[in-house]
Amino acid sequence: MKGIADTGFLVAFARARDIYHDWAVSVAEQVSEPLLTCEAVLAETAFHLQNVEVVLAMIADGLIRLSFDCNDHLPHLAALARRYSDRKPDLADLCLVRMSELHPQHRIITVDRADFRIYRRNKREAIPLICPPD
């Protein structure tokens, strides 16, 4: 499976008491190569878990791989921020939308179905997602 990891997925994977933990573990078991992510997602994940060591272990263990530099995509990120300003997107979401444009064969793995059903890559294209069942 090729994927792009969002914060909610990583938090659910690491936190056994999370309501999506079992789903996240089952998704992680299907991963055949490191999931792509960005530093904004890692910062959010460390904040929610209150544990940076767990996040660093996810990288060391090969679950995730940093694959995005905001400096290289500032105009695109700014355009996305303007387009979705009514939703008040966070930086991590904007980076993931851009990553989805750069890696169209990857699906975003997220618990945030509401926002990612609204966001579009390449202005009009729905973003393929992997989400927990309703």
N, C-alpha and C. Protein backbone atom coordinates (compact mmCIF):
# COMPACT_ATOMS: atom_id res chain seq x y z
N MET A 1 0.84 -1.18 0.00
CA MET A 1 0.00 0.00 0.00
C MET A 1 0.89 1.24 0.00
N LYS A 2 0.52 2.20 -0.85
CA LYS A 2 1.20 3.50 -0.87
C LYS A 2 0.28 4.52 -0.23
N GLY A 3 0.80 5.27 0.74
CA GLY A 3 -0.06 6.21 1.43
C GLY A 3 0.68 7.43 1.93
N ILE A 4 -0.12 8.41 2.33
CA ILE A 4 0.35 9.64 2.95
C ILE A 4 -0.31 9.71 4.32
N ALA A 5 0.49 9.76 5.37
CA ALA A 5 -0.03 9.66 6.74
C ALA A 5 -0.42 11.03 7.29
N ASP A 6 -1.63 11.12 7.81
CA ASP A 6 -2.12 12.30 8.51
C ASP A 6 -1.99 12.08 10.02
N THR A 7 -2.12 13.17 10.76
CA THR A 7 -1.96 13.16 12.21
C THR A 7 -2.87 12.16 12.91
N GLY A 8 -4.16 12.21 12.60
CA GLY A 8 -5.12 11.35 13.30
C GLY A 8 -4.79 9.88 13.18
N PHE A 9 -4.33 9.47 12.01
CA PHE A 9 -3.93 8.08 11.81
C PHE A 9 -2.74 7.74 12.71
N LEU A 10 -1.73 8.60 12.74
CA LEU A 10 -0.54 8.32 13.54
C LEU A 10 -0.85 8.31 15.03
N VAL A 11 -1.69 9.24 15.47
CA VAL A 11 -2.09 9.27 16.88
C VAL A 11 -2.85 7.99 17.23
N ALA A 12 -3.78 7.61 16.38
CA ALA A 12 -4.56 6.39 16.63
C ALA A 12 -3.67 5.16 16.66
N PHE A 13 -2.69 5.11 15.78
CA PHE A 13 -1.77 3.98 15.75
C PHE A 13 -0.98 3.88 17.05
N ALA A 14 -0.53 5.01 17.56
CA ALA A 14 0.34 5.02 18.74
C ALA A 14 -0.41 4.91 20.06
N ARG A 15 -1.66 5.32 20.08
CA ARG A 15 -2.42 5.40 21.34
C ARG A 15 -3.42 4.26 21.41
N ALA A 16 -3.15 3.27 22.24
CA ALA A 16 -3.99 2.07 22.33
C ALA A 16 -5.43 2.38 22.74
N ARG A 17 -5.66 3.45 23.47
CA ARG A 17 -7.02 3.75 23.92
C ARG A 17 -7.81 4.60 22.92
N ASP A 18 -7.18 4.97 21.80
CA ASP A 18 -7.87 5.76 20.77
C ASP A 18 -8.98 4.92 20.13
N ILE A 19 -10.10 5.56 19.83
CA ILE A 19 -11.23 4.81 19.25
C ILE A 19 -10.89 4.22 17.87
N TYR A 20 -9.88 4.77 17.21
CA TYR A 20 -9.50 4.27 15.88
C TYR A 20 -8.24 3.42 15.92
N HIS A 21 -7.79 3.04 17.10
CA HIS A 21 -6.53 2.31 17.23
C HIS A 21 -6.53 1.00 16.43
N ASP A 22 -7.55 0.18 16.59
CA ASP A 22 -7.58 -1.10 15.88
C ASP A 22 -7.55 -0.90 14.37
N TRP A 23 -8.31 0.10 13.90
CA TRP A 23 -8.31 0.41 12.47
C TRP A 23 -6.91 0.82 12.02
N ALA A 24 -6.26 1.70 12.78
CA ALA A 24 -4.93 2.19 12.41
C ALA A 24 -3.91 1.07 12.38
N VAL A 25 -3.97 0.18 13.34
CA VAL A 25 -3.05 -0.96 13.37
C VAL A 25 -3.28 -1.85 12.15
N SER A 26 -4.54 -2.08 11.80
CA SER A 26 -4.82 -2.93 10.63
C SER A 26 -4.33 -2.27 9.34
N VAL A 27 -4.44 -0.95 9.25
CA VAL A 27 -3.90 -0.25 8.08
C VAL A 27 -2.38 -0.37 8.06
N ALA A 28 -1.74 -0.14 9.20
CA ALA A 28 -0.28 -0.20 9.27
C ALA A 28 0.24 -1.59 8.89
N GLU A 29 -0.51 -2.63 9.19
CA GLU A 29 -0.10 -3.99 8.83
C GLU A 29 -0.07 -4.20 7.33
N GLN A 30 -0.79 -3.37 6.58
CA GLN A 30 -0.84 -3.49 5.12
C GLN A 30 0.22 -2.64 4.41
N VAL A 31 0.95 -1.86 5.17
CA VAL A 31 1.95 -0.96 4.59
C VAL A 31 3.15 -1.76 4.12
N SER A 32 3.50 -1.59 2.85
CA SER A 32 4.63 -2.32 2.28
C SER A 32 5.86 -1.43 2.09
N GLU A 33 5.67 -0.12 2.21
CA GLU A 33 6.77 0.84 2.13
C GLU A 33 6.43 1.99 3.06
N PRO A 34 7.41 2.75 3.50
CA PRO A 34 7.09 3.83 4.44
C PRO A 34 6.02 4.77 3.90
N LEU A 35 5.11 5.17 4.77
CA LEU A 35 4.10 6.15 4.42
C LEU A 35 4.77 7.52 4.36
N LEU A 36 4.39 8.31 3.39
CA LEU A 36 4.93 9.65 3.26
C LEU A 36 4.23 10.58 4.24
N THR A 37 4.94 11.56 4.74
CA THR A 37 4.33 12.57 5.59
C THR A 37 5.19 13.82 5.58
N CYS A 38 4.79 14.80 6.38
CA CYS A 38 5.50 16.08 6.43
C CYS A 38 5.79 16.44 7.89
N GLU A 39 6.65 17.42 8.08
CA GLU A 39 7.03 17.81 9.43
C GLU A 39 5.86 18.39 10.21
N ALA A 40 4.93 19.07 9.54
CA ALA A 40 3.77 19.63 10.25
C ALA A 40 2.94 18.51 10.87
N VAL A 41 2.76 17.40 10.17
CA VAL A 41 2.04 16.25 10.72
C VAL A 41 2.80 15.67 11.90
N LEU A 42 4.12 15.57 11.79
CA LEU A 42 4.91 15.03 12.90
C LEU A 42 4.82 15.91 14.13
N ALA A 43 4.84 17.23 13.94
CA ALA A 43 4.74 18.14 15.07
C ALA A 43 3.37 18.01 15.74
N GLU A 44 2.31 17.95 14.95
CA GLU A 44 0.97 17.77 15.52
C GLU A 44 0.87 16.45 16.27
N THR A 45 1.41 15.39 15.68
CA THR A 45 1.35 14.07 16.31
C THR A 45 2.09 14.07 17.64
N ALA A 46 3.29 14.62 17.67
CA ALA A 46 4.05 14.69 18.92
C ALA A 46 3.29 15.50 19.97
N PHE A 47 2.65 16.59 19.55
CA PHE A 47 1.87 17.41 20.48
C PHE A 47 0.71 16.62 21.06
N HIS A 48 -0.06 15.94 20.20
CA HIS A 48 -1.22 15.19 20.69
C HIS A 48 -0.82 14.02 21.58
N LEU A 49 0.27 13.37 21.24
CA LEU A 49 0.73 12.24 22.04
C LEU A 49 1.51 12.69 23.27
N GLN A 50 1.97 13.95 23.26
CA GLN A 50 2.86 14.45 24.31
C GLN A 50 4.08 13.54 24.44
N ASN A 51 4.57 13.09 23.26
CA ASN A 51 5.70 12.16 23.27
C ASN A 51 6.39 12.19 21.91
N VAL A 52 7.48 12.92 21.83
CA VAL A 52 8.22 13.02 20.58
C VAL A 52 8.98 11.73 20.28
N GLU A 53 9.36 11.00 21.31
CA GLU A 53 10.11 9.75 21.09
C GLU A 53 9.31 8.74 20.27
N VAL A 54 8.02 8.67 20.51
CA VAL A 54 7.18 7.75 19.75
C VAL A 54 7.17 8.13 18.28
N VAL A 55 7.09 9.42 18.01
CA VAL A 55 7.09 9.90 16.62
C VAL A 55 8.42 9.59 15.95
N LEU A 56 9.51 9.84 16.64
CA LEU A 56 10.82 9.52 16.07
C LEU A 56 10.98 8.02 15.83
N ALA A 57 10.40 7.21 16.70
CA ALA A 57 10.46 5.75 16.52
C ALA A 57 9.69 5.32 15.28
N MET A 58 8.58 6.01 14.96
CA MET A 58 7.84 5.68 13.74
C MET A 58 8.69 5.88 12.49
N ILE A 59 9.54 6.92 12.54
CA ILE A 59 10.45 7.15 11.42
C ILE A 59 11.54 6.08 11.41
N ALA A 60 12.16 5.86 12.56
CA ALA A 60 13.25 4.88 12.66
C ALA A 60 12.79 3.47 12.29
N ASP A 61 11.54 3.14 12.65
CA ASP A 61 11.01 1.80 12.37
C ASP A 61 10.52 1.65 10.92
N GLY A 62 10.51 2.76 10.17
CA GLY A 62 10.12 2.67 8.76
C GLY A 62 8.63 2.75 8.49
N LEU A 63 7.84 3.12 9.49
CA LEU A 63 6.41 3.29 9.23
C LEU A 63 6.17 4.52 8.38
N ILE A 64 6.91 5.60 8.67
CA ILE A 64 6.73 6.85 7.95
C ILE A 64 8.06 7.39 7.46
N ARG A 65 7.99 8.27 6.44
CA ARG A 65 9.19 8.91 5.90
C ARG A 65 8.84 10.34 5.55
N LEU A 66 9.68 11.26 5.99
CA LEU A 66 9.49 12.66 5.62
C LEU A 66 9.70 12.80 4.11
N SER A 67 8.76 13.49 3.48
CA SER A 67 8.80 13.57 2.03
C SER A 67 8.26 14.90 1.53
N PHE A 68 8.49 15.98 2.28
CA PHE A 68 7.93 17.26 1.87
C PHE A 68 8.69 18.39 2.56
N ASP A 69 9.00 19.43 1.78
CA ASP A 69 9.66 20.62 2.31
C ASP A 69 8.81 21.83 1.93
N CYS A 70 8.25 22.50 2.91
CA CYS A 70 7.38 23.66 2.67
C CYS A 70 8.06 24.71 1.80
N ASN A 71 9.36 24.90 1.98
CA ASN A 71 10.07 25.91 1.20
C ASN A 71 9.93 25.70 -0.31
N ASP A 72 9.84 24.46 -0.72
CA ASP A 72 9.74 24.15 -2.14
C ASP A 72 8.34 24.37 -2.70
N HIS A 73 7.36 24.63 -1.84
CA HIS A 73 5.96 24.67 -2.29
C HIS A 73 5.19 25.86 -1.74
N LEU A 74 5.89 26.91 -1.33
CA LEU A 74 5.22 28.05 -0.70
C LEU A 74 4.10 28.66 -1.56
N PRO A 75 4.29 28.90 -2.85
CA PRO A 75 3.19 29.47 -3.64
C PRO A 75 1.95 28.57 -3.67
N HIS A 76 2.16 27.27 -3.81
CA HIS A 76 1.03 26.32 -3.82
C HIS A 76 0.32 26.30 -2.47
N LEU A 77 1.09 26.28 -1.39
CA LEU A 77 0.50 26.26 -0.05
C LEU A 77 -0.28 27.55 0.21
N ALA A 78 0.26 28.68 -0.23
CA ALA A 78 -0.45 29.95 -0.05
C ALA A 78 -1.75 29.97 -0.84
N ALA A 79 -1.73 29.43 -2.05
CA ALA A 79 -2.95 29.37 -2.86
C ALA A 79 -3.99 28.46 -2.21
N LEU A 80 -3.56 27.34 -1.67
CA LEU A 80 -4.49 26.45 -0.97
C LEU A 80 -5.06 27.12 0.27
N ALA A 81 -4.21 27.85 1.00
CA ALA A 81 -4.68 28.56 2.20
C ALA A 81 -5.76 29.57 1.84
N ARG A 82 -5.58 30.27 0.74
CA ARG A 82 -6.60 31.24 0.30
C ARG A 82 -7.87 30.53 -0.14
N ARG A 83 -7.72 29.47 -0.90
CA ARG A 83 -8.88 28.75 -1.43
C ARG A 83 -9.76 28.19 -0.31
N TYR A 84 -9.13 27.71 0.74
CA TYR A 84 -9.88 27.06 1.82
C TYR A 84 -9.92 27.91 3.10
N SER A 85 -9.75 29.20 2.98
CA SER A 85 -9.69 30.07 4.16
C SER A 85 -10.94 29.99 5.02
N ASP A 86 -12.09 29.71 4.41
CA ASP A 86 -13.33 29.59 5.17
C ASP A 86 -13.31 28.39 6.12
N ARG A 87 -12.48 27.39 5.83
CA ARG A 87 -12.37 26.19 6.68
C ARG A 87 -11.25 26.33 7.71
N LYS A 88 -10.47 27.40 7.61
CA LYS A 88 -9.34 27.62 8.51
C LYS A 88 -8.42 26.39 8.58
N PRO A 89 -7.88 25.98 7.43
CA PRO A 89 -7.06 24.77 7.41
C PRO A 89 -5.75 24.97 8.18
N ASP A 90 -5.27 23.89 8.75
CA ASP A 90 -3.96 23.97 9.39
C ASP A 90 -2.89 23.64 8.36
N LEU A 91 -1.65 23.94 8.70
CA LEU A 91 -0.54 23.75 7.77
C LEU A 91 -0.41 22.28 7.36
N ALA A 92 -0.61 21.38 8.29
CA ALA A 92 -0.48 19.96 7.98
C ALA A 92 -1.46 19.56 6.87
N ASP A 93 -2.72 19.98 6.97
CA ASP A 93 -3.70 19.64 5.94
C ASP A 93 -3.29 20.19 4.58
N LEU A 94 -2.82 21.43 4.55
CA LEU A 94 -2.41 22.03 3.28
C LEU A 94 -1.24 21.27 2.68
N CYS A 95 -0.29 20.88 3.52
CA CYS A 95 0.85 20.10 3.04
C CYS A 95 0.40 18.76 2.48
N LEU A 96 -0.56 18.12 3.14
CA LEU A 96 -1.04 16.82 2.66
C LEU A 96 -1.78 16.94 1.34
N VAL A 97 -2.55 18.01 1.18
CA VAL A 97 -3.22 18.23 -0.11
C VAL A 97 -2.15 18.36 -1.20
N ARG A 98 -1.14 19.17 -0.94
CA ARG A 98 -0.07 19.35 -1.93
C ARG A 98 0.67 18.04 -2.18
N MET A 99 0.93 17.28 -1.13
CA MET A 99 1.60 15.99 -1.30
C MET A 99 0.76 15.06 -2.16
N SER A 100 -0.56 15.11 -2.02
CA SER A 100 -1.45 14.29 -2.84
C SER A 100 -1.35 14.68 -4.32
N GLU A 101 -1.12 15.96 -4.57
CA GLU A 101 -0.91 16.40 -5.95
C GLU A 101 0.40 15.87 -6.51
N LEU A 102 1.42 15.85 -5.67
CA LEU A 102 2.74 15.39 -6.09
C LEU A 102 2.84 13.88 -6.20
N HIS A 103 2.02 13.17 -5.43
CA HIS A 103 2.04 11.70 -5.40
C HIS A 103 0.62 11.17 -5.65
N PRO A 104 0.12 11.30 -6.86
CA PRO A 104 -1.28 10.97 -7.13
C PRO A 104 -1.64 9.50 -6.93
N GLN A 105 -0.65 8.62 -6.89
CA GLN A 105 -0.92 7.20 -6.68
C GLN A 105 -1.05 6.85 -5.20
N HIS A 106 -0.78 7.81 -4.32
CA HIS A 106 -0.88 7.60 -2.87
C HIS A 106 -2.22 8.11 -2.35
N ARG A 107 -2.79 7.38 -1.41
CA ARG A 107 -4.03 7.83 -0.74
C ARG A 107 -3.67 8.41 0.62
N ILE A 108 -4.40 9.43 1.02
CA ILE A 108 -4.18 10.01 2.35
C ILE A 108 -4.89 9.14 3.37
N ILE A 109 -4.16 8.76 4.40
CA ILE A 109 -4.70 7.94 5.48
C ILE A 109 -5.03 8.88 6.62
N THR A 110 -6.31 9.03 6.91
CA THR A 110 -6.76 10.05 7.84
C THR A 110 -8.03 9.63 8.57
N VAL A 111 -8.25 10.21 9.74
CA VAL A 111 -9.54 10.08 10.42
C VAL A 111 -10.40 11.32 10.15
N ASP A 112 -9.84 12.30 9.45
CA ASP A 112 -10.49 13.58 9.18
C ASP A 112 -11.24 13.55 7.84
N ARG A 113 -12.24 12.72 7.78
CA ARG A 113 -13.01 12.56 6.56
C ARG A 113 -13.71 13.86 6.16
N ALA A 114 -14.21 14.63 7.12
CA ALA A 114 -15.00 15.83 6.81
C ALA A 114 -14.20 16.84 6.00
N ASP A 115 -13.00 17.20 6.46
CA ASP A 115 -12.21 18.18 5.72
C ASP A 115 -11.68 17.62 4.40
N PHE A 116 -11.17 16.40 4.42
CA PHE A 116 -10.56 15.86 3.21
C PHE A 116 -11.58 15.48 2.14
N ARG A 117 -12.84 15.42 2.48
CA ARG A 117 -13.88 15.26 1.45
C ARG A 117 -14.15 16.60 0.75
N ILE A 118 -13.82 17.70 1.40
CA ILE A 118 -14.00 19.04 0.84
C ILE A 118 -12.78 19.45 0.01
N TYR A 119 -11.58 19.21 0.56
CA TYR A 119 -10.35 19.61 -0.12
C TYR A 119 -10.25 18.90 -1.48
N ARG A 120 -9.64 19.60 -2.42
CA ARG A 120 -9.43 19.04 -3.76
C ARG A 120 -7.97 19.21 -4.14
N ARG A 121 -7.43 18.21 -4.81
CA ARG A 121 -6.10 18.37 -5.36
C ARG A 121 -6.25 18.84 -6.81
N ASN A 122 -5.29 19.59 -7.26
CA ASN A 122 -5.35 20.15 -8.61
C ASN A 122 -6.65 20.90 -8.86
N LYS A 123 -7.16 21.55 -7.83
CA LYS A 123 -8.34 22.42 -7.82
C LYS A 123 -9.68 21.69 -7.93
N ARG A 124 -9.76 20.57 -8.62
CA ARG A 124 -11.07 19.94 -8.85
C ARG A 124 -11.14 18.45 -8.53
N GLU A 125 -10.02 17.84 -8.33
CA GLU A 125 -9.97 16.38 -8.21
C GLU A 125 -10.13 15.92 -6.75
N ALA A 126 -11.07 15.03 -6.51
CA ALA A 126 -11.23 14.47 -5.17
C ALA A 126 -9.95 13.75 -4.76
N ILE A 127 -9.63 13.85 -3.49
CA ILE A 127 -8.41 13.21 -2.97
C ILE A 127 -8.77 11.80 -2.51
N PRO A 128 -8.07 10.79 -3.02
CA PRO A 128 -8.34 9.44 -2.55
C PRO A 128 -7.92 9.26 -1.10
N LEU A 129 -8.81 8.67 -0.32
CA LEU A 129 -8.60 8.55 1.11
C LEU A 129 -8.68 7.11 1.59
N ILE A 130 -8.05 6.87 2.71
CA ILE A 130 -8.28 5.67 3.52
C ILE A 130 -8.72 6.21 4.87
N CYS A 131 -9.96 5.90 5.24
CA CYS A 131 -10.56 6.39 6.48
C CYS A 131 -11.16 5.23 7.26
N PRO A 132 -11.34 5.41 8.56
CA PRO A 132 -12.03 4.36 9.32
C PRO A 132 -13.46 4.22 8.84
N PRO A 133 -14.04 3.05 9.00
CA PRO A 133 -15.44 2.88 8.61
C PRO A 133 -16.35 3.79 9.44
N ASP A 134 -17.46 4.17 8.86
CA ASP A 134 -18.43 5.03 9.57
C ASP A 134 -19.03 4.32 10.76
